[in-house]
C-alpha atoms as a PDB file:
ATOM      1  CA  MET A   1     107.257 118.659 126.339  1.00  0.00           C
ATOM      2  CA  GLN A   2     104.065 117.484 124.617  1.00  0.00           C
ATOM      3  CA  SER A   3     100.693 117.662 126.269  1.00  0.00           C
ATOM      4  CA  THR A   4      98.606 114.513 126.649  1.00  0.00           C
ATOM      5  CA  ASN A   5      96.255 115.669 123.864  1.00  0.00           C
ATOM      6  CA  GLU A   6      99.124 115.989 121.372  1.00  0.00           C
ATOM      7  CA  THR A   7     100.575 112.539 122.012  1.00  0.00           C
ATOM      8  CA  HIS A   8      97.220 110.782 121.609  1.00  0.00           C
ATOM      9  CA  ALA A   9      95.718 112.870 118.833  1.00  0.00           C
ATOM     10  CA  PRO A  10      94.142 110.734 116.100  1.00  0.00           C
ATOM     11  CA  GLN A  11      96.324 110.417 113.006  1.00  0.00           C
ATOM     12  CA  PHE A  12      95.353 109.773 109.407  1.00  0.00           C
ATOM     13  CA  GLU A  13      97.708 109.565 106.449  1.00  0.00           C
ATOM     14  CA  ILE A  14      97.334 108.432 102.859  1.00  0.00           C
ATOM     15  CA  GLN A  15     100.386 106.287 102.151  1.00  0.00           C
ATOM     16  CA  ARG A  16      99.573 105.105  98.640  1.00  0.00           C
ATOM     17  CA  ILE A  17      96.720 105.039  96.112  1.00  0.00           C
ATOM     18  CA  PHE A  18      96.848 102.515  93.281  1.00  0.00           C
ATOM     19  CA  VAL A  19      94.858 100.427  90.817  1.00  0.00           C
ATOM     20  CA  LYS A  20      94.887  96.886  92.153  1.00  0.00           C
ATOM     21  CA  ASP A  21      92.943  95.268  89.316  1.00  0.00           C
ATOM     22  CA  ILE A  22      91.204  96.372  86.139  1.00  0.00           C
ATOM     23  CA  SER A  23      89.186  94.454  83.584  1.00  0.00           C
ATOM     24  CA  PHE A  24      87.445  95.701  80.447  1.00  0.00           C
ATOM     25  CA  GLU A  25      85.426  93.554  78.074  1.00  0.00           C
ATOM     26  CA  ALA A  26      83.513  94.618  74.964  1.00  0.00           C
ATOM     27  CA  PRO A  27      82.145  91.278  73.766  1.00  0.00           C
ATOM     28  CA  ASN A  28      79.911  92.535  70.956  1.00  0.00           C
ATOM     29  CA  THR A  29      82.256  94.950  69.209  1.00  0.00           C
ATOM     30  CA  PRO A  30      82.427  96.076  66.448  1.00  0.00           C
ATOM     31  CA  HIS A  31      78.672  95.468  65.984  1.00  0.00           C
ATOM     32  CA  THR A  32      77.893  97.603  69.047  1.00  0.00           C
ATOM     33  CA  PHE A  33      79.449 100.638  67.337  1.00  0.00           C
ATOM     34  CA  VAL A  34      76.979 100.625  64.440  1.00  0.00           C
ATOM     35  CA  GLU A  35      73.841 100.164  66.535  1.00  0.00           C
ATOM     36  CA  GLU A  36      71.831 103.022  68.061  1.00  0.00           C
ATOM     37  CA  TRP A  37      73.461 104.019  71.345  1.00  0.00           C
ATOM     38  CA  LYS A  38      70.849 103.810  74.105  1.00  0.00           C
ATOM     39  CA  PRO A  39      72.871 102.543  77.048  1.00  0.00           C
ATOM     40  CA  GLU A  40      71.491 100.948  80.173  1.00  0.00           C
ATOM     41  CA  VAL A  41      73.987 101.040  83.031  1.00  0.00           C
ATOM     42  CA  SER A  42      74.111  98.580  85.895  1.00  0.00           C
ATOM     43  CA  LEU A  43      76.515  99.583  88.661  1.00  0.00           C
ATOM     44  CA  ASN A  44      77.806  97.586  91.614  1.00  0.00           C
ATOM     45  CA  LEU A  45      80.015  99.005  94.390  1.00  0.00           C
ATOM     46  CA  GLU A  46      81.816  97.120  97.120  1.00  0.00           C
ATOM     47  CA  THR A  47      84.428  98.039  99.692  1.00  0.00           C
ATOM     48  CA  LYS A  48      86.776  95.804 101.612  1.00  0.00           C
ATOM     49  CA  SER A  49      89.542  96.540 104.051  1.00  0.00           C
ATOM     50  CA  ASN A  50      92.280  94.580 105.711  1.00  0.00           C
ATOM     51  CA  ARG A  51      94.910  95.393 108.269  1.00  0.00           C
ATOM     52  CA  ILE A  52      98.413  95.213 106.824  1.00  0.00           C
ATOM     53  CA  GLN A  53     100.222  95.963 110.079  1.00  0.00           C
ATOM     54  CA  ASP A  54      99.548  97.962 113.236  1.00  0.00           C
ATOM     55  CA  ASN A  55      97.613 101.093 112.267  1.00  0.00           C
ATOM     56  CA  VAL A  56      98.126 100.480 108.512  1.00  0.00           C
ATOM     57  CA  HIS A  57      95.150  99.351 106.447  1.00  0.00           C
ATOM     58  CA  GLU A  58      94.458  98.587 102.822  1.00  0.00           C
ATOM     59  CA  VAL A  59      91.033  99.678 101.551  1.00  0.00           C
ATOM     60  CA  VAL A  60      89.793  98.413  98.180  1.00  0.00           C
ATOM     61  CA  LEU A  61      86.881 100.040  96.380  1.00  0.00           C
ATOM     62  CA  SER A  62      85.514  97.727  93.686  1.00  0.00           C
ATOM     63  CA  ILE A  63      83.327  99.162  90.946  1.00  0.00           C
ATOM     64  CA  THR A  64      81.671  96.999  88.319  1.00  0.00           C
ATOM     65  CA  ALA A  65      79.723  98.686  85.548  1.00  0.00           C
ATOM     66  CA  THR A  66      77.852  96.718  82.919  1.00  0.00           C
ATOM     67  CA  VAL A  67      76.533  98.749  80.005  1.00  0.00           C
ATOM     68  CA  SER A  68      73.992  97.167  77.676  1.00  0.00           C
ATOM     69  CA  THR A  69      72.200  98.276  74.556  1.00  0.00           C
ATOM     70  CA  GLY A  70      69.066  96.346  73.875  1.00  0.00           C
ATOM     71  CA  LYS A  71      69.724  92.926  75.308  1.00  0.00           C
ATOM     72  CA  LYS A  72      73.421  92.840  74.423  1.00  0.00           C
ATOM     73  CA  THR A  73      76.303  93.782  76.648  1.00  0.00           C
ATOM     74  CA  ALA A  74      78.161  96.699  75.093  1.00  0.00           C
ATOM     75  CA  PHE A  75      80.930  96.574  77.684  1.00  0.00           C
ATOM     76  CA  LEU A  76      81.751  95.514  81.195  1.00  0.00           C
ATOM     77  CA  ILE A  77      84.375  97.251  83.287  1.00  0.00           C
ATOM     78  CA  GLU A  78      85.627  96.273  86.704  1.00  0.00           C
ATOM     79  CA  VAL A  79      88.063  98.425  88.661  1.00  0.00           C
ATOM     80  CA  HIS A  80      89.575  97.678  92.059  1.00  0.00           C
ATOM     81  CA  GLN A  81      90.961 101.005  93.275  1.00  0.00           C
ATOM     82  CA  ALA A  82      93.005 100.603  96.429  1.00  0.00           C
ATOM     83  CA  GLY A  83      94.749 102.694  99.010  1.00  0.00           C
ATOM     84  CA  VAL A  84      97.061 102.155 101.922  1.00  0.00           C
ATOM     85  CA  PHE A  85      96.155 104.327 104.900  1.00  0.00           C
ATOM     86  CA  MET A  86      97.788 104.880 108.269  1.00  0.00           C
ATOM     87  CA  ILE A  87      95.001 105.305 110.809  1.00  0.00           C
ATOM     88  CA  ASN A  88      95.958 105.650 114.459  1.00  0.00           C
ATOM     89  CA  GLY A  89      94.280 106.792 117.646  1.00  0.00           C
ATOM     90  CA  PHE A  90      90.639 106.466 116.592  1.00  0.00           C
ATOM     91  CA  PRO A  91      88.114 104.523 118.701  1.00  0.00           C
ATOM     92  CA  ASN A  92      86.955 101.255 117.091  1.00  0.00           C
ATOM     93  CA  ASP A  93      83.612 102.592 115.821  1.00  0.00           C
ATOM     94  CA  GLN A  94      85.342 105.577 114.201  1.00  0.00           C
ATOM     95  CA  LEU A  95      88.037 103.304 112.736  1.00  0.00           C
ATOM     96  CA  HIS A  96      85.355 101.177 111.068  1.00  0.00           C
ATOM     97  CA  GLN A  97      83.666 104.294 109.706  1.00  0.00           C
ATOM     98  CA  MET A  98      87.019 105.548 108.369  1.00  0.00           C
ATOM     99  CA  LEU A  99      87.583 102.226 106.596  1.00  0.00           C
ATOM    100  CA  GLY A 100      83.999 101.852 105.363  1.00  0.00           C
ATOM    101  CA  SER A 101      83.189 105.428 104.369  1.00  0.00           C
ATOM    102  CA  PHE A 102      85.972 108.009 104.638  1.00  0.00           C
ATOM    103  CA  CYS A 103      88.635 106.034 102.729  1.00  0.00           C
ATOM    104  CA  PRO A 104      86.256 104.942  99.922  1.00  0.00           C
ATOM    105  CA  ASN A 105      85.322 108.629  99.529  1.00  0.00           C
ATOM    106  CA  ILE A 106      89.002 109.353  98.917  1.00  0.00           C
ATOM    107  CA  LEU A 107      89.367 106.452  96.443  1.00  0.00           C
ATOM    108  CA  PHE A 108      86.201 107.091  94.409  1.00  0.00           C
ATOM    109  CA  PRO A 109      87.459 110.005  92.247  1.00  0.00           C
ATOM    110  CA  TYR A 110      90.476 107.928  91.225  1.00  0.00           C
ATOM    111  CA  ALA A 111      88.271 104.949  90.341  1.00  0.00           C
ATOM    112  CA  ARG A 112      85.848 107.195  88.436  1.00  0.00           C
ATOM    113  CA  GLU A 113      88.756 108.526  86.344  1.00  0.00           C
ATOM    114  CA  VAL A 114      90.014 104.997  85.582  1.00  0.00           C
ATOM    115  CA  VAL A 115      86.513 103.936  84.501  1.00  0.00           C
ATOM    116  CA  SER A 116      86.034 106.989  82.281  1.00  0.00           C
ATOM    117  CA  ASP A 117      89.469 106.738  80.629  1.00  0.00           C
ATOM    118  CA  THR A 118      89.223 102.985  80.031  1.00  0.00           C
ATOM    119  CA  VAL A 119      85.743 103.214  78.499  1.00  0.00           C
ATOM    120  CA  VAL A 120      86.902 105.941  76.086  1.00  0.00           C
ATOM    121  CA  ARG A 121      89.973 103.867  75.155  1.00  0.00           C
ATOM    122  CA  GLY A 122      87.554 101.028  74.407  1.00  0.00           C
ATOM    123  CA  GLY A 123      85.908 103.213  71.758  1.00  0.00           C
ATOM    124  CA  PHE A 124      82.763 104.087  73.707  1.00  0.00           C
ATOM    125  CA  PRO A 125      81.323 107.427  74.843  1.00  0.00           C
ATOM    126  CA  GLN A 126      82.654 108.590  78.186  1.00  0.00           C
ATOM    127  CA  LEU A 127      81.006 106.996  81.223  1.00  0.00           C
ATOM    128  CA  ILE A 128      80.995 109.452  84.100  1.00  0.00           C
ATOM    129  CA  LEU A 129      79.914 107.885  87.360  1.00  0.00           C
ATOM    130  CA  ALA A 130      77.661 110.002  89.563  1.00  0.00           C
ATOM    131  CA  PRO A 131      78.909 110.888  93.047  1.00  0.00           C
ATOM    132  CA  VAL A 132      78.315 108.255  95.713  1.00  0.00           C
ATOM    133  CA  ASN A 133      77.290 108.921  99.302  1.00  0.00           C
ATOM    134  CA  PHE A 134      79.522 106.444 101.116  1.00  0.00           C
ATOM    135  CA  ASP A 135      78.322 107.727 104.496  1.00  0.00           C
ATOM    136  CA  ALA A 136      74.770 106.646 103.617  1.00  0.00           C
ATOM    137  CA  LEU A 137      75.987 103.307 102.234  1.00  0.00           C
ATOM    138  CA  TYR A 138      77.988 102.691 105.427  1.00  0.00           C
ATOM    139  CA  ALA A 139      74.942 103.542 107.584  1.00  0.00           C
ATOM    140  CA  GLN A 140      72.837 101.178 105.461  1.00  0.00           C
ATOM    141  CA  HIS A 141      75.482  98.461 105.930  1.00  0.00           C
ATOM    142  CA  LEU A 142      75.411  98.934 109.725  1.00  0.00           C
ATOM    143  CA  GLU A 143      71.603  98.780 109.729  1.00  0.00           C
ATOM    144  CA  GLN A 144      71.686  95.574 107.680  1.00  0.00           C
ATOM    145  CA  GLN A 145      74.223  94.036 110.065  1.00  0.00           C
ATOM    146  CA  GLY A 146      71.969  94.950 112.997  1.00  0.00           C
ATOM    147  CA  LYS A 147      68.979  93.250 111.357  1.00  0.00           C
ATOM    148  CA  GLU A 148      71.015  90.123 110.570  1.00  0.00           C
ATOM    149  CA  GLY A 149      72.327  89.998 114.135  1.00  0.00           C
ATOM    150  CA  ALA A 150      68.786  90.287 115.506  1.00  0.00           C
ATOM    151  CA  GLN A 151      67.574  87.484 113.225  1.00  0.00           C
ATOM    152  CA  LYS A 152      70.412  85.178 114.327  1.00  0.00           C
ATOM    153  CA  ALA A 153      69.611  85.876 117.984  1.00  0.00           C
ATOM    154  CA  ASN A 154      65.981  84.725 117.492  1.00  0.00           C
END
């Protein structure tokens, strides 16, 4: 016989991790290869989640990196790294944090590898993305939502 705590214990399971979409453009090659390499990197991160069925969610981490030299784009890479997660037994606020922070933390190393490998295959020096604090980004998102809600109420 199971105790009450065992039957209602929160559950988390990674069901699948996959690349949902990838795009790489190097519009100024081969000229970029002969110019002095002083890259300027612009990075954009976004996360989205949707419920697939009861307790099963897809989380998509989108990373867009634009690398320029001078005023020309050397390359642009966009990766949508996704995962399917079974999440059960968490209160709503914890569920949202799992989807907005915990799952993207799991996906980020996979996305970073795809970015690095693709950039090298494009003929450029390796682009290694710095670690990201998804907990801080999630907290910032909640704060922004709070401000927007307060402004709408006024």
